[in-house]
Amino acid sequence: MEEKHAIEVENLVISYKNLQNTSIKKNFLSFHHKKAENFIAVKGISFYVREGEILGIIGKNGSGKSTTLRSLAGIFSPDSGKIDLKGHSISLLSIGVGFQKEMTGRENILLSGMLLGFTEQQVKEKEQEIINFAELGKFIDMPVRTYSSGMFSKLAFSITAILETDIILIDEVLSVGDQRFKKKSYRKMKNLISNKDRTVVIVSHNISTLQELCDTVMWMHDGEIKKIGDPEEVLSEYTAFMEA
């Protein structure tokens, strides 16, 4: 049987403007000709994820993990290269991405759902289930700017967990909220990703989580792929590298 890919990435390059050494005022004054430096966060990486596969991405801070994940989600535009999602619907579970802070939690559920490609009717059908899972009580009708980080996390998790897409991208948020909610969210996420038709990409520093959940692990280092393959083998080499 022919192997089907859910995600194909080819020669992906993503860079940022580094404005640290130049003031905002100077950048906008016409007589200041110094250009902001380019920082290349992702340096021409290529990889694929099979349909139904769970890929974990690990690496030290600044290795390009989250940048890669956000480019898959369409938040960051690559400088060059190609990302092909093969027509699959995709959602990003990452705290702080996509919420309008002046809008209520309920309004953000609708907005987030429609941004994921669901119709208003489809989101409305799932709205109460999302609200019940998030356990925010009266705060669901308050602006999210009034939320604690834990409440923010609960709502973000609940939206992605209940509005199921073909591909789920997870950025370091498998454990959110208080201890009881952490257990509940972890059980829900394990149930979601156990669906053999769903493709998952997880960015995490937690080696035990990646060992338990992933079929394949990709180790990124300084914007490049250092190794990709069997979780035990890759994580063992990564651990030795970090401890050296």
Protein backbone atom coordinates (compact mmCIF):
# COMPACT_ATOMS: atom_id res chain seq x y z
CA MET A 1 0.00 0.00 0.00
CA GLU A 2 1.28 3.44 -0.93
CA GLU A 3 2.37 5.57 2.02
CA LYS A 4 0.23 8.70 2.41
CA HIS A 5 1.69 11.93 3.75
CA ALA A 6 -0.38 14.47 5.70
CA ILE A 7 2.41 17.09 5.74
CA GLU A 8 5.34 17.64 3.40
CA VAL A 9 7.95 20.33 4.07
CA GLU A 10 10.65 21.09 1.54
CA ASN A 11 13.67 23.42 1.99
CA LEU A 12 11.86 25.61 4.54
CA VAL A 13 13.64 28.87 5.42
CA ILE A 14 12.23 31.39 7.92
CA SER A 15 14.02 34.52 9.13
CA TYR A 16 13.28 37.42 11.46
CA LYS A 17 14.40 41.02 11.51
CA ASN A 18 16.64 41.64 14.51
CA LEU A 19 15.94 45.17 15.76
CA GLN A 20 17.65 44.82 19.14
CA ASN A 21 20.63 46.98 18.32
CA THR A 22 18.65 49.71 16.60
CA SER A 23 16.04 51.98 18.15
CA ILE A 24 12.55 52.15 16.65
CA LYS A 25 13.00 55.89 16.10
CA LYS A 26 16.23 55.38 14.17
CA ASN A 27 14.64 52.66 12.05
CA PHE A 28 12.00 55.06 10.83
CA LEU A 29 14.18 58.13 10.32
CA SER A 30 15.07 58.50 6.68
CA PHE A 31 18.66 59.51 7.34
CA HIS A 32 19.39 56.31 9.24
CA HIS A 33 20.54 53.81 6.65
CA LYS A 34 21.61 50.91 8.85
CA LYS A 35 19.46 47.89 8.00
CA ALA A 36 18.10 45.54 10.65
CA GLU A 37 19.98 42.27 10.80
CA ASN A 38 18.29 39.09 9.60
CA PHE A 39 18.17 36.16 12.03
CA ILE A 40 17.58 32.87 10.23
CA ALA A 41 15.45 30.78 12.60
CA VAL A 42 14.86 27.83 10.25
CA LYS A 43 17.58 26.93 7.75
CA GLY A 44 16.26 24.98 4.79
CA ILE A 45 14.74 21.96 6.55
CA SER A 46 12.83 19.17 4.78
CA PHE A 47 10.69 16.45 6.35
CA TYR A 48 7.30 14.76 6.03
CA VAL A 49 4.66 13.42 8.42
CA ARG A 50 2.60 10.39 7.46
CA GLU A 51 -1.18 10.38 7.84
CA GLY A 52 -2.04 9.24 11.36
CA GLU A 53 1.55 9.67 12.59
CA ILE A 54 2.52 11.46 15.80
CA LEU A 55 5.71 13.46 15.30
CA GLY A 56 7.51 14.98 18.27
CA ILE A 57 9.93 17.88 17.87
CA ILE A 58 12.58 18.50 20.52
CA GLY A 59 15.54 20.85 20.83
CA LYS A 60 16.99 23.50 23.09
CA ASN A 61 15.43 26.97 23.27
CA GLY A 62 16.00 28.90 20.05
CA SER A 63 16.39 25.80 17.90
CA GLY A 64 13.45 26.71 15.61
CA LYS A 65 10.87 24.24 16.97
CA SER A 66 7.99 26.64 17.60
CA THR A 67 8.81 28.68 14.49
CA THR A 68 8.46 25.51 12.42
CA LEU A 69 5.17 24.65 14.12
CA ARG A 70 3.76 28.14 13.54
CA SER A 71 4.75 28.01 9.90
CA LEU A 72 2.78 24.76 9.53
CA ALA A 73 -0.20 26.56 11.10
CA GLY A 74 0.12 29.43 8.61
CA ILE A 75 1.04 32.02 11.24
CA PHE A 76 4.58 32.55 9.92
CA SER A 77 5.24 32.90 6.21
CA PRO A 78 8.43 31.20 5.02
CA ASP A 79 11.10 33.19 3.18
CA SER A 80 11.40 30.24 0.84
CA GLY A 81 10.51 26.59 0.60
CA LYS A 82 7.22 24.73 0.48
CA ILE A 83 4.66 23.45 2.98
CA ASP A 84 2.02 21.07 1.63
CA LEU A 85 -0.79 20.01 4.01
CA LYS A 86 -2.44 17.84 1.33
CA GLY A 87 -5.78 19.60 1.82
CA HIS A 88 -6.11 18.66 5.51
CA SER A 89 -7.72 20.91 8.12
CA ILE A 90 -5.25 22.02 10.80
CA SER A 91 -5.33 23.58 14.27
CA LEU A 92 -2.61 24.93 16.55
CA LEU A 93 -2.83 24.37 20.29
CA SER A 94 -0.53 27.06 21.66
CA ILE A 95 -1.26 29.39 24.52
CA GLY A 96 -1.65 33.01 23.51
CA VAL A 97 -2.19 32.48 19.80
CA GLY A 98 -5.28 33.87 18.09
CA PHE A 99 -7.41 35.27 20.93
CA GLN A 100 -8.82 38.80 20.77
CA LYS A 101 -8.37 40.04 24.33
CA GLU A 102 -11.22 42.58 24.27
CA MET A 103 -13.69 39.88 23.22
CA THR A 104 -15.35 37.48 25.65
CA GLY A 105 -14.43 33.85 25.95
CA ARG A 106 -17.68 32.89 24.21
CA GLU A 107 -16.97 35.28 21.33
CA ASN A 108 -13.44 33.91 21.02
CA ILE A 109 -14.79 30.37 20.73
CA LEU A 110 -16.77 31.43 17.65
CA LEU A 111 -13.88 33.44 16.19
CA SER A 112 -11.33 30.67 16.76
CA GLY A 113 -13.63 28.04 15.31
CA MET A 114 -14.30 30.03 12.16
CA LEU A 115 -10.58 30.72 11.74
CA LEU A 116 -10.07 26.94 11.84
CA GLY A 117 -12.44 26.63 8.91
CA PHE A 118 -15.62 25.58 10.72
CA THR A 119 -18.96 27.24 9.93
CA GLU A 120 -20.76 29.35 12.52
CA GLN A 121 -23.38 26.60 12.83
CA GLN A 122 -20.72 23.92 13.42
CA VAL A 123 -19.06 26.00 16.15
CA LYS A 124 -22.42 26.76 17.79
CA GLU A 125 -23.18 23.03 17.93
CA LYS A 126 -19.94 22.44 19.88
CA GLU A 127 -19.99 25.67 21.92
CA GLN A 128 -21.58 24.30 25.10
CA GLU A 129 -19.28 21.27 25.09
CA ILE A 130 -16.27 23.61 24.86
CA ILE A 131 -17.63 25.81 27.67
CA ASN A 132 -18.31 22.80 29.90
CA PHE A 133 -14.83 21.36 29.30
CA ALA A 134 -13.11 24.72 29.99
CA GLU A 135 -14.81 25.10 33.39
CA LEU A 136 -14.67 28.92 33.33
CA GLY A 137 -18.12 29.58 34.80
CA LYS A 138 -19.28 33.19 34.53
CA PHE A 139 -15.91 34.22 33.06
CA ILE A 140 -16.93 32.75 29.70
CA ASP A 141 -18.87 35.98 29.09
CA MET A 142 -16.08 38.29 30.27
CA PRO A 143 -13.23 39.70 28.11
CA VAL A 144 -10.29 37.31 27.99
CA ARG A 145 -8.00 40.17 29.08
CA THR A 146 -9.49 39.57 32.56
CA TYR A 147 -8.39 35.90 32.53
CA SER A 148 -5.53 34.43 34.50
CA SER A 149 -2.95 32.50 32.48
CA GLY A 150 -4.53 29.27 33.70
CA MET A 151 -8.01 30.30 32.49
CA PHE A 152 -6.57 31.41 29.17
CA SER A 153 -4.89 28.02 28.81
CA LYS A 154 -8.07 26.12 29.65
CA LEU A 155 -10.09 27.92 27.00
CA ALA A 156 -7.40 27.52 24.34
CA PHE A 157 -7.08 23.81 25.08
CA SER A 158 -10.82 23.23 25.12
CA ILE A 159 -11.40 24.87 21.73
CA THR A 160 -8.74 22.79 20.00
CA ALA A 161 -9.68 19.58 21.82
CA ILE A 162 -13.39 19.78 21.03
CA LEU A 163 -13.19 21.24 17.50
CA GLU A 164 -11.32 18.30 16.03
CA THR A 165 -9.25 18.85 12.86
CA ASP A 166 -7.33 16.38 10.66
CA ILE A 167 -3.97 17.70 11.90
CA ILE A 168 -3.34 18.96 15.44
CA LEU A 169 -0.22 20.98 16.25
CA ILE A 170 0.66 21.11 19.95
CA ASP A 171 3.17 23.56 21.43
CA GLU A 172 4.18 22.71 25.02
CA VAL A 173 0.63 22.80 26.39
CA LEU A 174 -0.26 19.21 27.18
CA SER A 175 -0.48 20.19 30.85
CA VAL A 176 -2.56 23.30 31.48
CA GLY A 177 -4.49 24.71 34.44
CA ASP A 178 -4.64 23.20 37.93
CA GLN A 179 -3.62 19.63 38.76
CA ARG A 180 -7.09 18.15 38.20
CA PHE A 181 -7.49 19.92 34.84
CA LYS A 182 -3.99 18.81 33.81
CA LYS A 183 -5.00 15.18 34.23
CA LYS A 184 -8.29 15.78 32.41
CA SER A 185 -6.61 17.59 29.50
CA TYR A 186 -3.88 14.95 29.19
CA ARG A 187 -6.51 12.17 29.03
CA LYS A 188 -8.44 14.12 26.40
CA MET A 189 -5.33 14.75 24.30
CA LYS A 190 -4.29 11.08 24.49
CA ASN A 191 -7.77 10.13 23.33
CA LEU A 192 -7.61 12.61 20.44
CA ILE A 193 -4.23 11.54 19.16
CA SER A 194 -5.03 7.83 19.50
CA ASN A 195 -7.34 8.28 16.49
CA LYS A 196 -5.37 6.57 13.71
CA ASP A 197 -6.75 9.01 11.11
CA ARG A 198 -5.47 12.07 12.95
CA THR A 199 -1.97 13.45 12.40
CA VAL A 200 -0.25 15.20 15.31
CA VAL A 201 2.91 17.29 15.67
CA ILE A 202 4.05 17.96 19.25
CA VAL A 203 6.76 20.43 20.27
CA SER A 204 7.98 19.66 23.77
CA HIS A 205 11.00 19.58 26.09
CA ASN A 206 9.41 16.72 28.04
CA ILE A 207 11.27 13.56 27.05
CA SER A 208 8.88 11.17 28.82
CA THR A 209 5.88 12.72 27.02
CA LEU A 210 7.53 12.31 23.63
CA GLN A 211 8.59 8.74 24.45
CA GLU A 212 5.06 7.80 25.46
CA LEU A 213 3.11 9.50 22.67
CA CYS A 214 5.25 9.76 19.53
CA ASP A 215 5.88 7.44 16.60
CA THR A 216 8.78 9.58 15.36
CA VAL A 217 10.92 12.32 16.95
CA MET A 218 12.73 15.14 15.15
CA TRP A 219 15.62 16.84 16.93
CA MET A 220 16.21 20.43 15.87
CA HIS A 221 19.37 22.36 16.64
CA ASP A 222 20.16 25.93 15.56
CA GLY A 223 17.47 25.94 12.90
CA GLU A 224 18.43 22.61 11.34
CA ILE A 225 17.34 18.99 11.71
CA LYS A 226 20.05 17.15 13.61
CA LYS A 227 18.30 13.77 13.60
CA ILE A 228 14.87 12.31 12.87
CA GLY A 229 13.70 8.77 13.50
CA ASP A 230 12.87 6.29 16.27
CA PRO A 231 11.95 8.14 19.53
CA GLU A 232 14.18 6.04 21.80
CA GLU A 233 17.21 6.47 19.59
CA VAL A 234 16.78 10.19 18.89
CA LEU A 235 15.90 11.10 22.49
CA SER A 236 18.84 9.08 23.83
CA GLU A 237 21.26 10.98 21.56
CA TYR A 238 19.59 14.30 22.41
CA THR A 239 19.89 13.63 26.15
CA ALA A 240 23.58 12.70 25.84
CA PHE A 241 24.21 15.83 23.77
CA MET A 242 22.51 18.10 26.30
CA GLU A 243 24.37 16.52 29.23
CA ALA A 244 27.79 16.69 27.57
